[in-house]
Amino acid sequence: MAIQKSEIESGIATAIISAIILAVLLLCGMTAHRNEMDEGILVSFGDALDGFGVQEAVATSVRPVSSPQPTPPEVMPDEKLMTQDDEQSVALDEERKRKKREEEARLAEERRLREEEVARQEEERRLREAEEARIAAERAARADAVKSLAGNAFSKTGEGQGETTGASMQGNPAGHGSAGGNSWSLSGRDMVSRFYKPTYSSNEEGRIVISIRVDEKGNVTSAAIANGTTISDRALREASLEAAKKNKFSSGNGVAIGTITYNFILN
């Protein structure tokens, strides 16, 4: 279909008009309406270079600035840190202390046992000697009983004080002797002193048998009341013990055990 000439002209006219309108709009500009805001107050912070005016050189004194002293390192206290080696050392010290305590306890126990053993042996020796003295005294008492000596008496003064009379037996090789109704028995020994008799004030009748222990020099080292004694008067017994210890016998080998018998009658 053929385009009409009038249509072509209309199109050209329309294009020209549109171009003119667009050009006007571009030239005049299109601005949007903005609400005007209140303007603020201008504040100068002094950082603008043009606000200093003319600067004049001013002489200023320069204060020397000392360089800062180096800060000494902080000295930490010497604290021993517990390490595994320290723990082992403490454990070893405790072990040594424990062993030392155990050793001291063991030595103390051994010392106590030794002392007890010495005391036990001493007690056994004492009991053995006492038994030997008792047996010897019994033998002497039986020998005296067999003899049945008549007229065994102490002659006393009028005040009741006195000693037995008669000469003591000395040099008897059998180790026996008698004097004034009193007797002694010490195997292998002779009496070398006078026969000492007790001084007493009691009025008693009976017999006191003294078990004696004589050393190698002939001295009476101990005396004790033995079996066969029939008098319980304590003073008379003590006097008889003291008298028995004064007697002196001949020397010999080792220790000798025997008896001394004192007989008493009523006034």
C-alpha atoms as a PDB file:
ATOM      1  CA  MET A   1       0.000   0.000   0.000  1.00  0.00           C
ATOM      2  CA  ALA A   2       1.413   3.363  -0.980  1.00  0.00           C
ATOM      3  CA  ILE A   3       2.128   5.974   1.757  1.00  0.00           C
ATOM      4  CA  GLN A   4       0.466   9.233   1.188  1.00  0.00           C
ATOM      5  CA  LYS A   5       2.525  12.360   0.854  1.00  0.00           C
ATOM      6  CA  SER A   6       0.472  14.059   3.487  1.00  0.00           C
ATOM      7  CA  GLU A   7       1.354  11.367   6.007  1.00  0.00           C
ATOM      8  CA  ILE A   8       5.010  11.893   5.336  1.00  0.00           C
ATOM      9  CA  GLU A   9       4.760  15.561   5.900  1.00  0.00           C
ATOM     10  CA  SER A  10       2.799  15.087   9.087  1.00  0.00           C
ATOM     11  CA  GLY A  11       5.454  12.763  10.447  1.00  0.00           C
ATOM     12  CA  ILE A  12       8.241  15.176   9.665  1.00  0.00           C
ATOM     13  CA  ALA A  13       6.388  18.022  11.310  1.00  0.00           C
ATOM     14  CA  THR A  14       5.771  15.955  14.404  1.00  0.00           C
ATOM     15  CA  ALA A  15       9.452  15.050  14.700  1.00  0.00           C
ATOM     16  CA  ILE A  16      10.533  18.644  14.360  1.00  0.00           C
ATOM     17  CA  ILE A  17       8.119  19.831  17.026  1.00  0.00           C
ATOM     18  CA  SER A  18       9.230  17.095  19.397  1.00  0.00           C
ATOM     19  CA  ALA A  19      12.862  18.022  18.904  1.00  0.00           C
ATOM     20  CA  ILE A  20      12.145  21.663  19.624  1.00  0.00           C
ATOM     21  CA  ILE A  21      10.305  20.827  22.869  1.00  0.00           C
ATOM     22  CA  LEU A  22      13.131  18.572  24.016  1.00  0.00           C
ATOM     23  CA  ALA A  23      15.703  21.245  23.310  1.00  0.00           C
ATOM     24  CA  VAL A  24      13.756  23.795  25.337  1.00  0.00           C
ATOM     25  CA  LEU A  25      13.529  21.470  28.248  1.00  0.00           C
ATOM     26  CA  LEU A  26      17.235  20.772  28.177  1.00  0.00           C
ATOM     27  CA  LEU A  27      18.174  24.381  27.951  1.00  0.00           C
ATOM     28  CA  CYS A  28      15.848  25.656  30.641  1.00  0.00           C
ATOM     29  CA  GLY A  29      16.727  22.876  33.023  1.00  0.00           C
ATOM     30  CA  MET A  30      14.615  20.806  35.266  1.00  0.00           C
ATOM     31  CA  THR A  31      15.160  21.534  38.940  1.00  0.00           C
ATOM     32  CA  ALA A  32      13.551  19.784  41.899  1.00  0.00           C
ATOM     33  CA  HIS A  33      12.117  21.815  44.691  1.00  0.00           C
ATOM     34  CA  ARG A  34      14.087  21.546  47.946  1.00  0.00           C
ATOM     35  CA  ASN A  35      13.006  22.721  51.357  1.00  0.00           C
ATOM     36  CA  GLU A  36      15.406  25.330  52.577  1.00  0.00           C
ATOM     37  CA  MET A  37      17.030  24.363  55.951  1.00  0.00           C
ATOM     38  CA  ASP A  38      18.091  26.845  58.575  1.00  0.00           C
ATOM     39  CA  GLU A  39      21.742  27.653  58.287  1.00  0.00           C
ATOM     40  CA  GLY A  40      23.908  26.927  61.354  1.00  0.00           C
ATOM     41  CA  ILE A  41      26.368  29.169  63.206  1.00  0.00           C
ATOM     42  CA  LEU A  42      29.873  29.095  61.878  1.00  0.00           C
ATOM     43  CA  VAL A  43      32.315  27.995  64.569  1.00  0.00           C
ATOM     44  CA  SER A  44      36.035  28.263  64.087  1.00  0.00           C
ATOM     45  CA  PHE A  45      38.088  25.510  65.754  1.00  0.00           C
ATOM     46  CA  GLY A  46      41.311  27.277  64.957  1.00  0.00           C
ATOM     47  CA  ASP A  47      42.469  24.715  62.511  1.00  0.00           C
ATOM     48  CA  ALA A  48      42.133  26.932  59.445  1.00  0.00           C
ATOM     49  CA  LEU A  49      45.468  28.245  58.271  1.00  0.00           C
ATOM     50  CA  ASP A  50      44.043  31.532  57.121  1.00  0.00           C
ATOM     51  CA  GLY A  51      42.853  32.459  60.597  1.00  0.00           C
ATOM     52  CA  PHE A  52      46.292  32.896  62.154  1.00  0.00           C
ATOM     53  CA  GLY A  53      47.031  36.232  60.531  1.00  0.00           C
ATOM     54  CA  VAL A  54      50.625  37.336  60.220  1.00  0.00           C
ATOM     55  CA  GLN A  55      52.931  35.214  62.327  1.00  0.00           C
ATOM     56  CA  GLU A  56      55.934  36.750  64.012  1.00  0.00           C
ATOM     57  CA  ALA A  57      58.941  34.816  65.114  1.00  0.00           C
ATOM     58  CA  VAL A  58      59.045  34.521  68.895  1.00  0.00           C
ATOM     59  CA  ALA A  59      62.164  33.397  70.699  1.00  0.00           C
ATOM     60  CA  THR A  60      61.368  30.478  72.931  1.00  0.00           C
ATOM     61  CA  SER A  61      63.609  28.813  75.474  1.00  0.00           C
ATOM     62  CA  VAL A  62      64.267  25.235  74.800  1.00  0.00           C
ATOM     63  CA  ARG A  63      64.250  23.037  77.918  1.00  0.00           C
ATOM     64  CA  PRO A  64      66.611  20.137  77.607  1.00  0.00           C
ATOM     65  CA  VAL A  65      64.725  16.951  77.723  1.00  0.00           C
ATOM     66  CA  SER A  66      66.589  14.131  79.399  1.00  0.00           C
ATOM     67  CA  SER A  67      66.322  10.832  77.796  1.00  0.00           C
ATOM     68  CA  PRO A  68      64.182   8.466  79.850  1.00  0.00           C
ATOM     69  CA  GLN A  69      66.140   6.137  82.080  1.00  0.00           C
ATOM     70  CA  PRO A  70      65.729   2.539  81.164  1.00  0.00           C
ATOM     71  CA  THR A  71      63.393   0.811  83.538  1.00  0.00           C
ATOM     72  CA  PRO A  72      65.283  -1.906  85.411  1.00  0.00           C
ATOM     73  CA  PRO A  73      63.756  -5.281  84.977  1.00  0.00           C
ATOM     74  CA  GLU A  74      61.534  -6.277  87.841  1.00  0.00           C
ATOM     75  CA  VAL A  75      63.325  -8.671  90.107  1.00  0.00           C
ATOM     76  CA  MET A  76      61.130 -11.545  90.911  1.00  0.00           C
ATOM     77  CA  PRO A  77      61.506 -13.042  94.401  1.00  0.00           C
ATOM     78  CA  ASP A  78      63.581 -16.135  94.542  1.00  0.00           C
ATOM     79  CA  GLU A  79      60.834 -18.598  94.960  1.00  0.00           C
ATOM     80  CA  LYS A  80      61.639 -22.209  94.676  1.00  0.00           C
ATOM     81  CA  LEU A  81      59.312 -23.822  92.276  1.00  0.00           C
ATOM     82  CA  MET A  82      58.155 -27.236  93.222  1.00  0.00           C
ATOM     83  CA  THR A  83      59.341 -29.455  90.454  1.00  0.00           C
ATOM     84  CA  GLN A  84      59.377 -33.165  90.094  1.00  0.00           C
ATOM     85  CA  ASP A  85      63.032 -33.218  91.246  1.00  0.00           C
ATOM     86  CA  ASP A  86      62.094 -31.253  94.389  1.00  0.00           C
ATOM     87  CA  GLU A  87      59.291 -33.688  95.134  1.00  0.00           C
ATOM     88  CA  GLN A  88      61.687 -36.587  94.791  1.00  0.00           C
ATOM     89  CA  SER A  89      64.198 -34.812  97.075  1.00  0.00           C
ATOM     90  CA  VAL A  90      61.529 -34.238  99.739  1.00  0.00           C
ATOM     91  CA  ALA A  91      60.484 -37.867  99.495  1.00  0.00           C
ATOM     92  CA  LEU A  92      64.109 -38.986  99.907  1.00  0.00           C
ATOM     93  CA  ASP A  93      64.546 -36.733 102.962  1.00  0.00           C
ATOM     94  CA  GLU A  94      61.419 -38.161 104.548  1.00  0.00           C
ATOM     95  CA  GLU A  95      62.629 -41.683 103.821  1.00  0.00           C
ATOM     96  CA  ARG A  96      66.021 -40.959 105.402  1.00  0.00           C
ATOM     97  CA  LYS A  97      64.365 -39.462 108.483  1.00  0.00           C
ATOM     98  CA  ARG A  98      62.065 -42.470 108.783  1.00  0.00           C
ATOM     99  CA  LYS A  99      64.984 -44.891 108.517  1.00  0.00           C
ATOM    100  CA  LYS A 100      66.920 -42.870 111.102  1.00  0.00           C
ATOM    101  CA  ARG A 101      63.995 -43.017 113.526  1.00  0.00           C
ATOM    102  CA  GLU A 102      63.657 -46.749 112.971  1.00  0.00           C
ATOM    103  CA  GLU A 103      67.399 -47.250 113.548  1.00  0.00           C
ATOM    104  CA  GLU A 104      67.310 -45.228 116.775  1.00  0.00           C
ATOM    105  CA  ALA A 105      64.311 -47.213 117.980  1.00  0.00           C
ATOM    106  CA  ARG A 106      66.069 -50.479 117.120  1.00  0.00           C
ATOM    107  CA  LEU A 107      69.233 -49.460 119.000  1.00  0.00           C
ATOM    108  CA  ALA A 108      67.185 -48.353 122.010  1.00  0.00           C
ATOM    109  CA  GLU A 109      65.344 -51.683 122.020  1.00  0.00           C
ATOM    110  CA  GLU A 110      68.623 -53.613 121.800  1.00  0.00           C
ATOM    111  CA  ARG A 111      70.056 -51.550 124.663  1.00  0.00           C
ATOM    112  CA  ARG A 112      66.961 -52.206 126.763  1.00  0.00           C
ATOM    113  CA  LEU A 113      67.168 -55.937 126.065  1.00  0.00           C
ATOM    114  CA  ARG A 114      70.855 -56.003 127.011  1.00  0.00           C
ATOM    115  CA  GLU A 115      70.132 -54.198 130.263  1.00  0.00           C
ATOM    116  CA  GLU A 116      67.300 -56.602 131.025  1.00  0.00           C
ATOM    117  CA  GLU A 117      69.577 -59.556 130.286  1.00  0.00           C
ATOM    118  CA  VAL A 118      72.296 -58.196 132.589  1.00  0.00           C
ATOM    119  CA  ALA A 119      69.722 -57.599 135.325  1.00  0.00           C
ATOM    120  CA  ARG A 120      68.297 -61.090 134.821  1.00  0.00           C
ATOM    121  CA  GLN A 121      71.741 -62.695 135.042  1.00  0.00           C
ATOM    122  CA  GLU A 122      72.535 -60.657 138.151  1.00  0.00           C
ATOM    123  CA  GLU A 123      69.265 -61.730 139.746  1.00  0.00           C
ATOM    124  CA  GLU A 124      69.946 -65.367 138.870  1.00  0.00           C
ATOM    125  CA  ARG A 125      73.419 -65.097 140.392  1.00  0.00           C
ATOM    126  CA  ARG A 126      72.011 -63.542 143.547  1.00  0.00           C
ATOM    127  CA  LEU A 127      69.336 -66.218 143.842  1.00  0.00           C
ATOM    128  CA  ARG A 128      71.887 -68.946 143.197  1.00  0.00           C
ATOM    129  CA  GLU A 129      74.196 -67.608 145.896  1.00  0.00           C
ATOM    130  CA  ALA A 130      71.292 -67.264 148.302  1.00  0.00           C
ATOM    131  CA  GLU A 131      70.264 -70.848 147.569  1.00  0.00           C
ATOM    132  CA  GLU A 132      73.812 -72.066 148.112  1.00  0.00           C
ATOM    133  CA  ALA A 133      73.960 -70.169 151.382  1.00  0.00           C
ATOM    134  CA  ARG A 134      70.615 -71.633 152.429  1.00  0.00           C
ATOM    135  CA  ILE A 135      71.734 -75.173 151.645  1.00  0.00           C
ATOM    136  CA  ALA A 136      74.988 -74.645 153.517  1.00  0.00           C
ATOM    137  CA  ALA A 137      73.101 -73.205 156.464  1.00  0.00           C
ATOM    138  CA  GLU A 138      70.729 -76.166 156.532  1.00  0.00           C
ATOM    139  CA  ARG A 139      73.637 -78.574 156.489  1.00  0.00           C
ATOM    140  CA  ALA A 140      75.300 -76.707 159.323  1.00  0.00           C
ATOM    141  CA  ALA A 141      72.049 -76.610 161.269  1.00  0.00           C
ATOM    142  CA  ARG A 142      71.597 -80.350 160.840  1.00  0.00           C
ATOM    143  CA  ALA A 143      75.167 -80.906 161.993  1.00  0.00           C
ATOM    144  CA  ASP A 144      74.553 -78.752 165.039  1.00  0.00           C
ATOM    145  CA  ALA A 145      71.356 -80.627 165.809  1.00  0.00           C
ATOM    146  CA  VAL A 146      73.173 -83.960 165.654  1.00  0.00           C
ATOM    147  CA  LYS A 147      75.800 -82.744 168.068  1.00  0.00           C
ATOM    148  CA  SER A 148      73.112 -81.668 170.540  1.00  0.00           C
ATOM    149  CA  LEU A 149      75.536 -79.636 172.495  1.00  0.00           C
ATOM    150  CA  ALA A 150      74.414 -79.313 176.064  1.00  0.00           C
ATOM    151  CA  GLY A 151      74.730 -76.235 178.145  1.00  0.00           C
ATOM    152  CA  ASN A 152      74.779 -73.830 175.182  1.00  0.00           C
ATOM    153  CA  ALA A 153      74.254 -70.529 176.854  1.00  0.00           C
ATOM    154  CA  PHE A 154      75.494 -66.975 176.994  1.00  0.00           C
ATOM    155  CA  SER A 155      76.640 -65.723 180.374  1.00  0.00           C
ATOM    156  CA  LYS A 156      75.299 -62.190 180.895  1.00  0.00           C
ATOM    157  CA  THR A 157      76.013 -59.338 183.275  1.00  0.00           C
ATOM    158  CA  GLY A 158      73.577 -58.371 185.968  1.00  0.00           C
ATOM    159  CA  GLU A 159      72.130 -55.678 183.705  1.00  0.00           C
ATOM    160  CA  GLY A 160      71.278 -58.133 180.982  1.00  0.00           C
ATOM    161  CA  GLN A 161      74.137 -56.917 178.731  1.00  0.00           C
ATOM    162  CA  GLY A 162      76.828 -59.429 177.851  1.00  0.00           C
ATOM    163  CA  GLU A 163      78.669 -61.650 175.398  1.00  0.00           C
ATOM    164  CA  THR A 164      79.263 -65.363 175.283  1.00  0.00           C
ATOM    165  CA  THR A 165      82.286 -66.689 177.066  1.00  0.00           C
ATOM    166  CA  GLY A 166      84.823 -69.216 176.043  1.00  0.00           C
ATOM    167  CA  ALA A 167      87.764 -69.294 173.662  1.00  0.00           C
ATOM    168  CA  SER A 168      87.188 -69.402 169.943  1.00  0.00           C
ATOM    169  CA  MET A 169      88.279 -72.399 167.934  1.00  0.00           C
ATOM    170  CA  GLN A 170      91.088 -71.595 165.500  1.00  0.00           C
ATOM    171  CA  GLY A 171      93.216 -73.635 163.199  1.00  0.00           C
ATOM    172  CA  ASN A 172      90.640 -76.357 162.813  1.00  0.00           C
ATOM    173  CA  PRO A 173      91.516 -78.140 159.557  1.00  0.00           C
ATOM    174  CA  ALA A 174      87.949 -79.404 159.157  1.00  0.00           C
ATOM    175  CA  GLY A 175      86.562 -75.859 158.871  1.00  0.00           C
ATOM    176  CA  HIS A 176      84.335 -76.155 161.937  1.00  0.00           C
ATOM    177  CA  GLY A 177      84.526 -74.698 165.409  1.00  0.00           C
ATOM    178  CA  SER A 178      82.560 -73.762 168.488  1.00  0.00           C
ATOM    179  CA  ALA A 179      82.913 -71.317 171.330  1.00  0.00           C
ATOM    180  CA  GLY A 180      80.736 -71.049 174.392  1.00  0.00           C
ATOM    181  CA  GLY A 181      77.878 -72.946 172.796  1.00  0.00           C
ATOM    182  CA  ASN A 182      78.161 -71.085 169.481  1.00  0.00           C
ATOM    183  CA  SER A 183      79.587 -72.585 166.330  1.00  0.00           C
ATOM    184  CA  TRP A 184      80.696 -71.851 162.784  1.00  0.00           C
ATOM    185  CA  SER A 185      81.139 -73.920 159.674  1.00  0.00           C
ATOM    186  CA  LEU A 186      83.175 -72.835 156.622  1.00  0.00           C
ATOM    187  CA  SER A 187      84.647 -75.619 154.534  1.00  0.00           C
ATOM    188  CA  GLY A 188      88.378 -75.291 153.951  1.00  0.00           C
ATOM    189  CA  ARG A 189      88.766 -72.148 156.048  1.00  0.00           C
ATOM    190  CA  ASP A 190      89.883 -71.470 159.604  1.00  0.00           C
ATOM    191  CA  MET A 191      88.846 -68.601 161.839  1.00  0.00           C
ATOM    192  CA  VAL A 192      91.841 -66.341 162.429  1.00  0.00           C
ATOM    193  CA  SER A 193      90.090 -63.697 164.564  1.00  0.00           C
ATOM    194  CA  ARG A 194      88.357 -64.045 167.866  1.00  0.00           C
ATOM    195  CA  PHE A 195      84.806 -65.316 167.639  1.00  0.00           C
ATOM    196  CA  TYR A 196      82.621 -62.206 167.567  1.00  0.00           C
ATOM    197  CA  LYS A 197      79.288 -62.539 169.358  1.00  0.00           C
ATOM    198  CA  PRO A 198      76.316 -60.172 169.481  1.00  0.00           C
ATOM    199  CA  THR A 199      75.777 -57.719 172.308  1.00  0.00           C
ATOM    200  CA  TYR A 200      72.078 -57.728 173.165  1.00  0.00           C
ATOM    201  CA  SER A 201      69.549 -56.751 175.826  1.00  0.00           C
ATOM    202  CA  SER A 202      66.697 -59.054 174.832  1.00  0.00           C
ATOM    203  CA  ASN A 203      65.672 -61.998 176.985  1.00  0.00           C
ATOM    204  CA  GLU A 204      65.164 -64.637 174.290  1.00  0.00           C
ATOM    205  CA  GLU A 205      65.725 -68.339 173.982  1.00  0.00           C
ATOM    206  CA  GLY A 206      66.485 -70.125 170.757  1.00  0.00           C
ATOM    207  CA  ARG A 207      68.892 -70.111 167.864  1.00  0.00           C
ATOM    208  CA  ILE A 208      69.934 -67.696 165.118  1.00  0.00           C
ATOM    209  CA  VAL A 209      71.684 -69.195 162.104  1.00  0.00           C
ATOM    210  CA  ILE A 210      73.634 -66.768 159.903  1.00  0.00           C
ATOM    211  CA  SER A 211      74.589 -67.673 156.339  1.00  0.00           C
ATOM    212  CA  ILE A 212      77.934 -66.027 155.505  1.00  0.00           C
ATOM    213  CA  ARG A 213      79.833 -65.442 152.284  1.00  0.00           C
ATOM    214  CA  VAL A 214      83.629 -65.120 152.620  1.00  0.00           C
ATOM    215  CA  ASP A 215      85.955 -63.813 149.912  1.00  0.00           C
ATOM    216  CA  GLU A 216      89.408 -65.178 149.075  1.00  0.00           C
ATOM    217  CA  LYS A 217      91.010 -62.845 151.649  1.00  0.00           C
ATOM    218  CA  GLY A 218      88.891 -64.251 154.473  1.00  0.00           C
ATOM    219  CA  ASN A 219      86.569 -61.269 154.897  1.00  0.00           C
ATOM    220  CA  VAL A 220      82.850 -61.800 155.429  1.00  0.00           C
ATOM    221  CA  THR A 221      81.295 -59.941 152.501  1.00  0.00           C
ATOM    222  CA  SER A 222      77.648 -60.747 153.204  1.00  0.00           C
ATOM    223  CA  ALA A 223      75.501 -62.246 155.936  1.00  0.00           C
ATOM    224  CA  ALA A 224      71.844 -63.269 156.002  1.00  0.00           C
ATOM    225  CA  ILE A 225      69.421 -65.015 158.337  1.00  0.00           C
ATOM    226  CA  ALA A 226      69.244 -68.680 157.291  1.00  0.00           C
ATOM    227  CA  ASN A 227      66.937 -71.625 157.883  1.00  0.00           C
ATOM    228  CA  GLY A 228      67.151 -73.122 161.344  1.00  0.00           C
ATOM    229  CA  THR A 229      66.624 -69.755 163.041  1.00  0.00           C
ATOM    230  CA  THR A 230      64.007 -69.916 165.797  1.00  0.00           C
ATOM    231  CA  ILE A 231      64.176 -66.354 167.152  1.00  0.00           C
ATOM    232  CA  SER A 232      62.085 -63.642 165.498  1.00  0.00           C
ATOM    233  CA  ASP A 233      63.296 -60.695 167.583  1.00  0.00           C
ATOM    234  CA  ARG A 234      64.442 -58.134 165.024  1.00  0.00           C
ATOM    235  CA  ALA A 235      66.978 -56.396 167.265  1.00  0.00           C
ATOM    236  CA  LEU A 236      68.616 -59.681 168.197  1.00  0.00           C
ATOM    237  CA  ARG A 237      68.784 -60.735 164.567  1.00  0.00           C
ATOM    238  CA  GLU A 238      70.414 -57.440 163.546  1.00  0.00           C
ATOM    239  CA  ALA A 239      72.953 -57.749 166.368  1.00  0.00           C
ATOM    240  CA  SER A 240      73.790 -61.288 165.272  1.00  0.00           C
ATOM    241  CA  LEU A 241      74.282 -60.189 161.648  1.00  0.00           C
ATOM    242  CA  GLU A 242      76.615 -57.378 162.687  1.00  0.00           C
ATOM    243  CA  ALA A 243      78.655 -59.734 164.870  1.00  0.00           C
ATOM    244  CA  ALA A 244      78.915 -62.332 162.110  1.00  0.00           C
ATOM    245  CA  LYS A 245      80.350 -59.773 159.664  1.00  0.00           C
ATOM    246  CA  LYS A 246      83.190 -58.928 162.063  1.00  0.00           C
ATOM    247  CA  ASN A 247      84.661 -62.421 162.033  1.00  0.00           C
ATOM    248  CA  LYS A 248      87.830 -63.031 160.015  1.00  0.00           C
ATOM    249  CA  PHE A 249      88.759 -66.314 158.327  1.00  0.00           C
ATOM    250  CA  SER A 250      91.853 -67.650 156.631  1.00  0.00           C
ATOM    251  CA  SER A 251      92.449 -66.847 152.983  1.00  0.00           C
ATOM    252  CA  GLY A 252      91.683 -69.340 150.255  1.00  0.00           C
ATOM    253  CA  ASN A 253      90.900 -69.783 146.603  1.00  0.00           C
ATOM    254  CA  GLY A 254      87.656 -68.219 145.467  1.00  0.00           C
ATOM    255  CA  VAL A 255      84.570 -67.593 147.556  1.00  0.00           C
ATOM    256  CA  ALA A 256      83.544 -69.784 150.490  1.00  0.00           C
ATOM    257  CA  ILE A 257      80.023 -70.098 151.887  1.00  0.00           C
ATOM    258  CA  GLY A 258      79.273 -71.231 155.404  1.00  0.00           C
ATOM    259  CA  THR A 259      77.300 -70.527 158.573  1.00  0.00           C
ATOM    260  CA  ILE A 260      77.640 -69.079 162.035  1.00  0.00           C
ATOM    261  CA  THR A 261      75.196 -70.266 164.702  1.00  0.00           C
ATOM    262  CA  TYR A 262      74.370 -68.312 167.848  1.00  0.00           C
ATOM    263  CA  ASN A 263      72.445 -70.018 170.674  1.00  0.00           C
ATOM    264  CA  PHE A 264      70.524 -68.101 173.349  1.00  0.00           C
ATOM    265  CA  ILE A 265      68.829 -69.099 176.620  1.00  0.00           C
ATOM    266  CA  LEU A 266      66.547 -67.224 178.970  1.00  0.00           C
ATOM    267  CA  ASN A 267      68.010 -65.454 181.968  1.00  0.00           C
END
